[in-house]
Amino acid sequence: MPRTKHSKEFKLQVIKEAIDTGNKTLVARRYNLNANMVSRWCTENKKCPYGDVDVAVIPDFDPKEMSKENERLKTLLGEKDLEIAILRDLIKKKNPHLLKNLK
């Protein structure tokens, strides 16, 4: 039997019908599916329901905008690392006795 990938809409339809009828085996036979698969879909739906996330709410993502944001964050991180290095260097120069406590 070849493996097929079912859409989320189809899975939701099967899950809803299985819950409504209370008979997963009958629903599996109706759609020509394995009863274990329908049972697994129902179990997964209980743990993390497929219908919880609304795709319309998720913002569109622009790769160019994301790369610009990524570069900005990398620059910010580099500046913070440099600032920390400078402060550590100042501590070493002004207070050598504090250097023993850092290690």
Protein backbone atom coordinates (compact mmCIF):
# COMPACT_ATOMS: atom_id res chain seq x y z
CA MET A 1 0.00 0.00 0.00
CA PRO A 2 1.65 3.28 -1.06
CA ARG A 3 2.14 6.01 1.51
CA THR A 4 0.08 9.12 0.96
CA LYS A 5 0.24 12.45 2.69
CA HIS A 6 -3.14 13.77 3.73
CA SER A 7 -3.95 17.45 4.07
CA LYS A 8 -4.76 19.00 7.44
CA GLU A 9 -8.29 19.73 6.25
CA PHE A 10 -8.84 16.06 5.41
CA LYS A 11 -7.40 14.98 8.78
CA LEU A 12 -9.64 17.43 10.62
CA GLN A 13 -12.67 16.17 8.73
CA VAL A 14 -11.86 12.54 9.61
CA ILE A 15 -11.10 13.43 13.25
CA LYS A 16 -14.34 15.38 13.62
CA GLU A 17 -16.37 12.55 12.11
CA ALA A 18 -14.61 9.97 14.31
CA ILE A 19 -15.36 12.02 17.43
CA ASP A 20 -18.98 12.61 16.38
CA THR A 21 -19.70 8.95 15.61
CA GLY A 22 -17.51 7.55 18.39
CA ASN A 23 -16.36 4.75 16.10
CA LYS A 24 -12.90 5.27 14.61
CA THR A 25 -12.88 1.92 12.81
CA LEU A 26 -16.07 2.69 10.92
CA VAL A 27 -14.76 6.10 9.86
CA ALA A 28 -11.47 4.54 8.77
CA ARG A 29 -13.33 2.01 6.61
CA ARG A 30 -15.45 4.76 5.07
CA TYR A 31 -12.38 6.71 3.94
CA ASN A 32 -10.34 3.58 3.13
CA LEU A 33 -7.78 4.33 5.87
CA ASN A 34 -6.06 2.25 8.50
CA ALA A 35 -7.92 2.33 11.82
CA ASN A 36 -4.64 2.80 13.70
CA MET A 37 -3.90 5.91 11.66
CA VAL A 38 -7.28 7.45 12.45
CA SER A 39 -6.78 6.61 16.11
CA ARG A 40 -3.32 8.21 16.05
CA TRP A 41 -4.70 11.35 14.39
CA CYS A 42 -7.37 11.63 17.10
CA THR A 43 -4.77 11.20 19.86
CA GLU A 44 -2.48 13.81 18.29
CA ASN A 45 -5.43 16.16 17.93
CA LYS A 46 -6.16 15.85 21.66
CA LYS A 47 -2.56 16.73 22.54
CA CYS A 48 -2.20 19.59 20.07
CA PRO A 49 -5.33 20.45 18.06
CA TYR A 50 -4.72 21.15 14.38
CA GLY A 51 -7.33 23.89 14.25
CA ASP A 52 -5.86 26.11 16.97
CA VAL A 53 -3.62 28.25 14.75
CA ASP A 54 -5.30 30.60 12.31
CA VAL A 55 -3.10 31.12 9.26
CA ALA A 56 -4.60 34.57 8.64
CA VAL A 57 -3.20 35.77 11.97
CA ILE A 58 0.37 34.77 11.15
CA PRO A 59 2.11 37.72 9.46
CA ASP A 60 3.67 37.36 6.03
CA PHE A 61 7.40 37.04 6.19
CA ASP A 62 9.64 38.92 3.80
CA PRO A 63 13.11 37.35 3.37
CA LYS A 64 14.78 40.70 2.61
CA GLU A 65 13.28 42.28 5.70
CA MET A 66 14.29 39.30 7.82
CA SER A 67 17.90 39.43 6.58
CA LYS A 68 18.06 43.17 7.36
CA GLU A 69 16.76 42.50 10.87
CA ASN A 70 19.25 39.65 11.26
CA GLU A 71 22.15 41.91 10.27
CA ARG A 72 20.95 44.61 12.65
CA LEU A 73 20.82 42.12 15.52
CA LYS A 74 24.28 40.76 14.68
CA THR A 75 25.66 44.31 14.75
CA LEU A 76 23.98 44.97 18.08
CA LEU A 77 25.38 41.75 19.52
CA GLY A 78 28.88 42.63 18.28
CA GLU A 79 28.64 46.06 19.91
CA LYS A 80 27.59 44.52 23.22
CA ASP A 81 30.46 42.01 23.07
CA LEU A 82 32.90 44.85 22.39
CA GLU A 83 31.46 46.87 25.28
CA ILE A 84 31.91 43.91 27.64
CA ALA A 85 35.48 43.40 26.47
CA ILE A 86 36.29 47.09 27.05
CA LEU A 87 34.79 47.00 30.55
CA ARG A 88 36.76 43.87 31.43
CA ASP A 89 39.93 45.54 30.17
CA LEU A 90 39.22 48.61 32.35
CA ILE A 91 38.72 46.42 35.41
CA LYS A 92 42.08 44.76 34.76
CA LYS A 93 43.88 48.09 34.47
CA LYS A 94 42.26 50.02 37.34
CA ASN A 95 41.67 47.30 39.91
CA PRO A 96 44.10 44.39 39.56
CA HIS A 97 42.90 42.93 42.87
CA LEU A 98 39.41 42.47 41.36
CA LEU A 99 40.91 40.34 38.60
CA LYS A 100 41.54 37.56 41.14
CA ASN A 101 37.81 37.47 41.97
CA LEU A 102 36.77 37.14 38.27
CA LYS A 103 38.67 33.90 37.76
